[in-house]
Protein backbone atom coordinates (compact mmCIF):
# COMPACT_ATOMS: atom_id res chain seq x y z
CA MET A 1 37.40 1.03 -33.26
CA ALA A 2 34.45 3.01 -32.80
CA GLY A 3 33.91 1.62 -29.25
CA ARG A 4 30.60 0.79 -27.20
CA LEU A 5 29.42 4.30 -26.26
CA VAL A 6 27.38 4.74 -22.97
CA CYS A 7 24.17 6.20 -23.83
CA PRO A 8 22.95 8.40 -20.60
CA ARG A 9 19.61 8.85 -19.61
CA VAL A 10 18.60 12.29 -19.08
CA THR A 11 18.90 12.69 -15.40
CA GLY A 12 15.32 14.04 -13.85
CA ARG A 13 13.91 14.38 -17.32
CA GLU A 14 10.13 13.78 -17.33
CA PRO A 15 8.49 11.33 -20.01
CA SER A 16 7.52 13.31 -23.10
CA GLY A 17 4.42 13.27 -24.78
CA ALA A 18 2.48 14.20 -28.11
CA ALA A 19 3.80 17.00 -30.31
CA ALA A 20 3.17 20.51 -28.85
CA SER A 21 1.83 19.26 -25.41
CA ASP A 22 2.52 20.28 -22.13
CA ALA A 23 4.38 16.94 -21.51
CA GLU A 24 6.75 17.63 -24.53
CA ARG A 25 7.55 21.19 -23.53
CA ARG A 26 8.46 19.86 -19.88
CA ALA A 27 10.47 17.49 -21.59
CA ALA A 28 12.40 19.97 -23.71
CA ARG A 29 13.04 22.08 -20.67
CA ALA A 30 14.82 19.06 -18.83
CA LEU A 31 16.77 18.46 -22.20
CA ALA A 32 17.87 22.02 -21.95
CA GLY A 33 19.27 21.31 -18.47
CA ALA A 34 20.70 18.06 -19.25
CA LEU A 35 22.89 20.42 -22.14
CA ARG A 36 23.56 23.02 -19.40
CA ALA A 37 24.96 20.34 -17.22
CA ARG A 38 27.38 19.26 -19.97
CA GLY A 39 28.99 22.69 -20.16
CA ARG A 40 26.94 23.88 -23.16
CA THR A 41 24.73 26.78 -23.59
CA ALA A 42 20.89 25.84 -24.47
CA ARG A 43 17.65 27.88 -25.21
CA THR A 44 14.21 26.60 -25.76
CA PRO A 45 13.00 29.09 -28.33
CA ALA A 46 8.83 28.45 -28.96
CA VAL A 47 7.70 27.31 -32.64
CA TRP A 48 3.97 27.31 -33.78
CA VAL A 49 3.36 24.42 -35.56
CA ARG A 50 -0.05 23.02 -37.03
CA THR A 51 -0.43 19.39 -35.65
CA ALA A 52 -3.60 18.23 -37.48
CA TRP A 53 -1.76 16.92 -40.31
CA TRP A 54 -4.17 14.22 -40.90
CA LEU A 55 -6.80 16.43 -41.61
CA PRO A 56 -6.04 17.68 -45.00
CA VAL A 57 -5.42 14.12 -45.84
CA ALA A 58 -8.92 13.02 -44.71
CA LEU A 59 -10.48 15.85 -46.52
CA ALA A 60 -8.55 14.72 -49.63
CA CYS A 61 -10.09 11.10 -48.99
CA ALA A 62 -13.44 12.03 -48.46
CA LEU A 63 -13.43 14.30 -51.75
CA GLY A 64 -12.08 11.12 -53.57
CA VAL A 65 -14.98 8.95 -52.19
CA ALA A 66 -17.40 11.97 -52.84
CA GLY A 67 -16.12 11.82 -56.45
CA SER A 68 -16.15 8.38 -56.94
CA VAL A 69 -19.81 8.12 -56.14
CA LEU A 70 -20.67 11.13 -57.94
CA SER A 71 -18.95 9.84 -61.16
CA VAL A 72 -21.18 7.10 -61.79
CA GLY A 73 -24.05 8.78 -62.59
CA SER A 74 -22.43 12.21 -63.50
CA PRO A 75 -18.68 12.01 -64.58
CA GLY A 76 -17.69 15.47 -65.12
CA PRO A 77 -18.54 16.68 -61.67
CA GLY A 78 -17.39 13.61 -59.80
CA LEU A 79 -14.06 13.97 -62.12
CA ALA A 80 -14.01 17.70 -60.37
CA VAL A 81 -14.46 16.50 -56.82
CA ALA A 82 -11.94 13.83 -57.19
CA ALA A 83 -9.51 16.02 -58.61
CA ALA A 84 -10.08 18.72 -56.00
CA GLY A 85 -9.06 15.95 -53.36
CA LEU A 86 -5.89 15.14 -55.30
CA LEU A 87 -4.99 18.91 -55.31
CA VAL A 88 -5.83 18.93 -51.55
CA LEU A 89 -3.53 16.16 -50.68
CA LEU A 90 -0.74 17.18 -53.16
CA ALA A 91 -0.69 21.09 -51.94
CA ASP A 92 -0.47 19.65 -48.23
CA LEU A 93 2.88 18.24 -49.03
CA MET A 94 4.01 21.69 -50.33
CA PRO A 95 5.74 23.99 -47.80
CA TRP A 96 2.84 26.23 -47.54
CA ALA A 97 0.41 23.45 -47.07
CA PRO A 98 -2.89 26.03 -47.43
CA VAL A 99 -5.65 23.51 -46.09
CA ARG A 100 -3.59 22.73 -42.91
CA ARG A 101 -3.37 26.89 -42.60
CA LEU A 102 -6.84 26.63 -41.66
CA THR A 103 -6.17 24.31 -38.76
CA ILE A 104 -5.15 25.27 -35.06
CA ALA A 105 -1.61 26.31 -34.50
CA ARG A 106 -0.11 25.08 -31.46
CA ALA A 107 3.26 25.94 -29.51
CA THR A 108 6.07 23.53 -29.50
CA GLN A 109 9.78 23.84 -28.16
CA ASN A 110 12.95 23.35 -29.92
CA VAL A 111 16.07 22.90 -27.58
CA VAL A 112 18.98 24.66 -29.27
CA SER A 113 22.49 24.61 -28.39
CA PRO A 114 24.94 26.46 -30.84
CA PRO A 115 28.63 25.24 -31.39
CA PRO A 116 31.10 25.98 -28.32
CA GLU A 117 33.79 28.59 -29.11
CA ARG A 118 36.67 27.33 -30.47
CA PRO A 119 39.94 29.12 -31.87
CA GLY A 120 39.99 28.83 -35.81
CA GLU A 121 37.50 29.08 -38.33
CA ARG A 122 35.17 26.10 -39.42
CA PRO A 123 32.92 26.69 -42.49
CA VAL A 124 30.45 23.95 -41.80
CA THR A 125 28.22 23.25 -38.95
CA LEU A 126 27.21 19.79 -38.08
CA VAL A 127 23.69 19.67 -36.66
CA LEU A 128 23.19 16.64 -34.24
CA THR A 129 19.01 16.16 -34.22
CA ALA A 130 16.43 14.34 -32.65
CA ALA A 131 12.67 14.74 -31.95
CA THR A 132 11.39 15.04 -28.34
CA ASP A 133 8.12 14.33 -28.76
CA LEU A 134 6.25 10.76 -28.86
CA ARG A 135 4.71 9.43 -31.92
CA ARG A 136 1.09 8.51 -32.36
CA ARG A 137 1.07 4.83 -33.37
CA GLY A 138 -2.41 4.48 -34.73
CA TRP A 139 -3.36 2.51 -37.82
CA ALA A 140 -2.55 5.48 -40.29
CA ALA A 141 1.26 5.15 -39.10
CA ARG A 142 1.33 1.28 -39.37
CA LEU A 143 0.29 1.24 -43.00
CA PRO A 144 3.12 -0.05 -44.97
CA GLY A 145 4.48 2.87 -47.11
CA GLY A 146 2.38 5.48 -45.25
CA VAL A 147 -1.14 6.71 -45.62
CA ARG A 148 -0.54 9.52 -48.01
CA ARG A 149 0.96 7.06 -50.62
CA TRP A 150 -2.23 4.89 -50.49
CA ALA A 151 -4.56 7.96 -50.59
CA ILE A 152 -2.57 9.38 -53.72
CA ALA A 153 -2.68 5.84 -55.50
CA ALA A 154 -6.60 5.61 -54.76
CA LEU A 155 -7.43 9.35 -55.72
CA VAL A 156 -5.32 8.94 -59.14
CA ALA A 157 -7.24 5.49 -59.81
CA VAL A 158 -10.45 7.05 -59.05
CA LEU A 159 -9.50 9.95 -61.28
CA ALA A 160 -8.79 7.43 -64.15
CA CYS A 161 -12.25 5.71 -63.87
CA ALA A 162 -13.95 9.21 -63.74
CA LEU A 163 -12.26 10.07 -66.63
CA THR A 164 -13.02 6.55 -68.82
CA ARG A 165 -16.49 7.10 -67.99
CA LEU A 166 -16.40 10.83 -69.16
CA LEU A 167 -15.18 9.38 -72.53
CA GLY A 168 -18.35 7.34 -72.78
CA VAL A 169 -16.92 4.16 -71.56
CA ASP A 170 -19.31 2.49 -69.03
CA GLY A 171 -19.96 -1.15 -68.08
CA ALA A 172 -20.13 -3.51 -64.89
CA TRP A 173 -16.43 -3.97 -65.09
CA LEU A 174 -15.54 -0.22 -64.64
CA GLY A 175 -17.50 -0.22 -61.48
CA ILE A 176 -15.38 -3.19 -60.37
CA VAL A 177 -12.26 -1.44 -61.07
CA GLN A 178 -13.39 1.46 -59.27
CA LEU A 179 -14.41 -0.26 -55.95
CA PRO A 180 -11.04 -1.17 -54.46
CA PRO A 181 -9.55 2.18 -54.44
CA THR A 182 -12.86 3.73 -53.14
CA LEU A 183 -12.85 1.29 -50.25
CA VAL A 184 -9.03 2.03 -49.91
CA LEU A 185 -9.98 5.79 -49.33
CA LEU A 186 -12.71 4.78 -46.80
CA VAL A 187 -10.28 2.44 -44.78
CA ALA A 188 -7.78 5.58 -45.07
CA ILE A 189 -10.25 7.91 -43.65
CA VAL A 190 -11.11 5.74 -40.66
CA ALA A 191 -7.04 5.25 -40.00
CA LEU A 192 -6.55 9.04 -40.07
CA LEU A 193 -9.35 9.32 -37.47
CA ASP A 194 -7.98 6.68 -35.27
CA GLN A 195 -4.55 8.37 -35.85
CA ALA A 196 -5.79 11.93 -34.38
CA GLY A 197 -6.92 9.84 -31.09
CA ALA A 198 -3.90 7.54 -30.53
CA THR A 199 -2.29 7.45 -27.62
CA PRO A 200 1.58 8.51 -27.95
CA GLN A 201 4.23 5.81 -27.69
CA GLY A 202 7.83 5.57 -28.10
CA ASP A 203 11.28 5.65 -26.05
CA ASP A 204 13.91 8.25 -25.68
CA SER A 205 16.45 5.86 -27.71
CA ALA A 206 17.20 8.71 -30.41
CA LEU A 207 17.84 11.38 -27.43
CA ARG A 208 20.15 8.97 -25.79
CA ALA A 209 22.15 8.37 -28.76
CA ALA A 210 22.09 12.06 -29.82
CA LEU A 211 23.59 12.97 -26.42
CA ALA A 212 26.02 10.05 -26.72
CA THR A 213 27.39 11.17 -29.73
CA LEU A 214 27.47 14.60 -28.56
CA ASP A 215 29.39 13.89 -25.58
CA ALA A 216 31.85 12.04 -27.69
CA LEU A 217 32.27 14.94 -30.14
CA ASP A 218 32.42 17.45 -27.30
CA ALA A 219 35.24 15.41 -25.88
CA ASP A 220 37.23 15.16 -28.90
CA PRO A 221 35.81 17.89 -31.35
CA PRO A 222 36.04 17.41 -35.08
CA ARG A 223 38.83 19.67 -36.79
CA ARG A 224 36.73 20.95 -39.46
CA LEU A 225 33.25 20.95 -38.03
CA ASP A 226 31.38 23.06 -35.34
CA VAL A 227 28.91 20.97 -33.48
CA ALA A 228 25.28 22.16 -32.94
CA VAL A 229 22.43 20.40 -31.15
CA VAL A 230 18.87 20.81 -32.18
CA LEU A 231 16.60 18.53 -30.46
CA ALA A 232 13.13 19.42 -32.25
CA GLY A 233 9.78 19.44 -31.17
CA ALA A 234 6.92 18.24 -33.25
CA GLY A 235 8.72 15.32 -34.61
CA ASP A 236 5.37 13.63 -35.36
CA THR A 237 3.97 16.66 -37.27
CA ASP A 238 6.33 16.24 -40.40
CA HIS A 239 9.27 17.39 -38.17
CA GLY A 240 7.77 20.83 -37.70
CA GLY A 241 10.14 21.89 -34.92
CA LEU A 242 13.22 21.32 -37.29
CA ARG A 243 11.80 22.58 -40.55
CA ALA A 244 10.88 25.78 -38.67
CA TRP A 245 14.81 25.81 -37.49
CA LEU A 246 16.13 25.32 -40.64
CA ARG A 247 13.70 27.91 -42.52
CA ALA A 248 15.10 30.36 -39.64
CA ARG A 249 18.73 29.96 -40.75
CA ARG A 250 17.96 30.07 -44.56
CA ARG A 251 16.61 33.37 -43.75
CA ARG A 252 19.63 34.47 -41.73
CA GLY A 253 21.96 33.72 -44.86
CA LEU A 254 22.94 30.22 -44.22
CA ARG A 255 23.66 28.35 -47.02
CA PRO A 256 23.25 24.39 -47.52
CA ARG A 257 27.03 24.21 -48.17
CA GLN A 258 27.62 25.33 -44.77
CA LEU A 259 25.71 22.83 -42.59
CA ALA A 260 25.34 18.96 -42.43
CA VAL A 261 22.26 17.40 -40.64
CA VAL A 262 22.56 13.96 -38.79
CA ALA A 263 19.36 12.99 -37.81
CA LEU A 264 19.18 10.28 -34.83
CA GLU A 265 15.92 7.99 -35.35
CA PRO A 266 14.22 5.82 -32.93
CA CYS A 267 16.87 2.98 -32.32
CA PRO A 268 15.80 0.95 -29.10
CA GLU A 269 17.52 -2.32 -30.30
CA GLY A 270 19.46 -3.70 -33.48
CA ALA A 271 22.44 -3.06 -35.19
CA PRO A 272 23.18 0.42 -36.79
CA VAL A 273 21.96 1.66 -40.25
CA TRP A 274 21.81 4.71 -42.26
CA TRP A 275 19.21 5.87 -44.60
CA THR A 276 19.71 6.28 -48.33
CA ALA A 277 16.45 7.54 -49.47
CA ASP A 278 13.52 8.42 -47.75
CA GLY A 279 10.26 10.43 -47.87
CA LEU A 280 6.61 11.20 -47.12
CA VAL A 281 5.44 9.94 -50.78
CA VAL A 282 8.48 9.43 -53.07
CA PRO A 283 11.94 8.31 -51.11
CA ALA A 284 14.38 11.27 -52.21
CA ARG A 285 18.07 10.46 -52.02
CA LEU A 286 19.66 11.89 -49.02
CA HIS A 287 22.75 13.49 -49.45
CA PRO A 288 25.80 11.49 -51.33
CA GLN A 289 28.86 12.92 -49.32
CA LEU A 290 27.16 12.02 -45.85
CA GLN A 291 26.26 8.74 -47.38
CA ALA A 292 29.92 8.43 -48.16
CA ALA A 293 30.98 9.20 -44.98
CA ALA A 294 28.51 6.54 -43.62
CA ARG A 295 29.95 3.84 -45.81
CA ALA A 296 33.52 4.73 -44.98
CA ALA A 297 32.40 4.49 -41.12
CA ALA A 298 30.87 1.27 -41.81
CA ALA A 299 33.87 0.28 -43.52
CA ALA A 300 36.46 1.33 -41.05
CA HIS A 301 34.28 -0.24 -38.24
CA PRO A 302 33.18 -3.39 -39.39
CA ASP A 303 32.56 -4.57 -35.72
CA LEU A 304 29.23 -2.37 -35.72
CA GLY A 305 27.74 -4.35 -38.37
CA ALA A 306 26.59 -1.16 -39.78
CA ARG A 307 24.57 -1.19 -43.26
CA PRO A 308 22.22 0.95 -45.38
CA VAL A 309 18.29 0.81 -45.57
CA ARG A 310 15.96 2.75 -47.94
CA GLY A 311 12.49 3.25 -46.50
CA SER A 312 9.29 5.59 -46.35
CA ASP A 313 10.16 6.44 -42.48
CA ALA A 314 9.67 10.13 -43.13
CA THR A 315 12.88 10.95 -41.11
CA ALA A 316 14.21 14.41 -40.13
CA ALA A 317 16.72 13.87 -42.60
CA ALA A 318 14.14 13.55 -45.26
CA ALA A 319 12.63 16.65 -43.79
CA ALA A 320 15.62 18.68 -44.20
CA ARG A 321 15.97 17.14 -47.66
CA ALA A 322 12.75 18.79 -48.59
CA GLY A 323 14.38 22.04 -47.84
CA ARG A 324 17.30 21.14 -49.82
CA TRP A 325 19.82 20.84 -46.89
CA PRO A 326 22.52 18.22 -46.62
CA ALA A 327 21.27 15.46 -44.29
CA ILE A 328 21.64 11.82 -43.25
CA ALA A 329 19.38 9.72 -41.00
CA ILE A 330 20.90 7.05 -38.68
CA GLY A 331 19.12 4.75 -36.51
CA ALA A 332 18.94 0.87 -35.54
CA ARG A 333 17.39 -2.22 -36.62
CA PRO A 334 16.78 -5.35 -35.23
CA PRO A 335 19.99 -7.57 -35.71
CA ALA A 336 20.05 -10.77 -38.18
CA GLY A 337 22.49 -12.36 -35.38
CA GLU A 338 22.77 -12.12 -31.66
CA SER A 339 26.30 -10.45 -31.70
CA ALA A 340 25.30 -6.83 -32.91
CA PRO A 341 25.57 -4.09 -30.39
CA ASP A 342 22.44 -2.56 -28.71
CA GLY A 343 20.36 0.13 -30.67
CA PRO A 344 21.36 3.40 -28.85
CA GLU A 345 25.00 2.56 -28.49
CA ALA A 346 25.22 1.36 -31.92
CA ALA A 347 23.45 4.09 -33.58
CA ALA A 348 25.81 6.76 -31.57
CA ALA A 349 28.78 4.80 -32.39
CA LEU A 350 27.94 4.74 -36.10
CA ALA A 351 27.24 8.57 -35.53
CA VAL A 352 30.52 9.33 -34.30
CA ALA A 353 32.33 7.33 -36.73
CA LEU A 354 30.18 8.94 -39.65
CA VAL A 355 31.32 12.68 -38.19
CA ARG A 356 35.15 11.30 -38.20
CA ALA A 357 34.92 10.36 -41.72
CA LEU A 358 33.30 13.69 -42.86
CA ASP A 359 35.80 15.48 -41.01
CA ALA A 360 38.40 13.83 -42.61
CA ASP A 361 36.69 14.42 -46.10
CA LEU A 362 36.39 18.03 -45.38
CA ALA A 363 40.26 18.29 -45.54
CA GLY A 364 39.48 18.94 -49.43
CA ALA A 365 40.28 22.05 -51.10
CA SER A 366 36.86 23.61 -50.70
CA GLY A 367 36.44 22.59 -47.13
CA THR A 368 32.66 22.82 -47.53
CA ILE A 369 29.81 20.44 -48.34
CA ALA A 370 29.64 19.55 -51.76
CA SER A 371 26.59 20.42 -54.06
CA ASP A 372 24.23 17.82 -55.56
CA ALA A 373 21.01 17.91 -57.51
CA GLY A 374 19.07 18.21 -54.24
CA ASP A 375 20.51 21.33 -53.07
CA ASP A 376 20.15 24.99 -54.11
CA GLY A 377 22.16 26.30 -57.11
CA ASP A 378 24.14 29.14 -55.29
CA ARG A 379 27.08 27.23 -54.85
């Protein structure tokens, strides 16, 4: 039995706030104190992030609207402006994000606890992670599938209409076809502006689940895994804190076969779930070996009622996979029946069971995380 774990609240922890805010940094220091109270070492390195992720998206949408209007009388220039909008949006999805680099950088803090020293050598480090900040829940965050997907689809439609005009095809029907994607871009701009000023909302369920998982693993450590903790800042900014920590690990020579990321997502209520695919625009498959461990954990503990989900939640695991690191996300969803356990306890129980299954799987010949198509090719 995985058992019902107790998810402790962080004693003395101040409410967190938006990414890179003073409230978020105070919460990070309180979390570091909670880890030290557990006998772990913890530090709070500063990380510089650019929180205005919405600005390049809004700029791209504005260029799309301008290109749509311009293409009616001048298809060539309209096509060029709309194409520039799509290019801005796609470039912002890349690691270098050139337009976002023109915005102001702000400081956030990660809470990092390395694995305790133990006799023996373990080639794989398991990283438990959860975001420390609260997410802004504006209109853009509530659009099904995410505002970037709507913006990309609308920009492609505007480009197609402008190209059709450029090829000499015109008529009232084309204006009717072109109107809906233009309106979508206008709505996206309004939603993004609302997102920028939305009040941060959320709970500490992911942090509670991460700490409960850590307590269970520290009490009975895995045999083939070292356990580190990264409670990352700026989770609402495309998980900027976690991305920065992973980039630093890569610069220091760590390879994906040596690391497994288990991301705890908000889980205020419901039965435990794990993500099979996730991403900002196109859902990408999360690591197959970690998925296999989740399936094994669910089969071994049917009392948990754990199930897989596929979404566009842009979890921390999706951010790690974008950097080609093995990762999986665990959370909770409202149950189908009344007998399912509570969210944080359920998510923690699944996370512990997953780690046990992965630990057993690593008893194989290699003892490291298996390669798949999403990882780098040095393995």
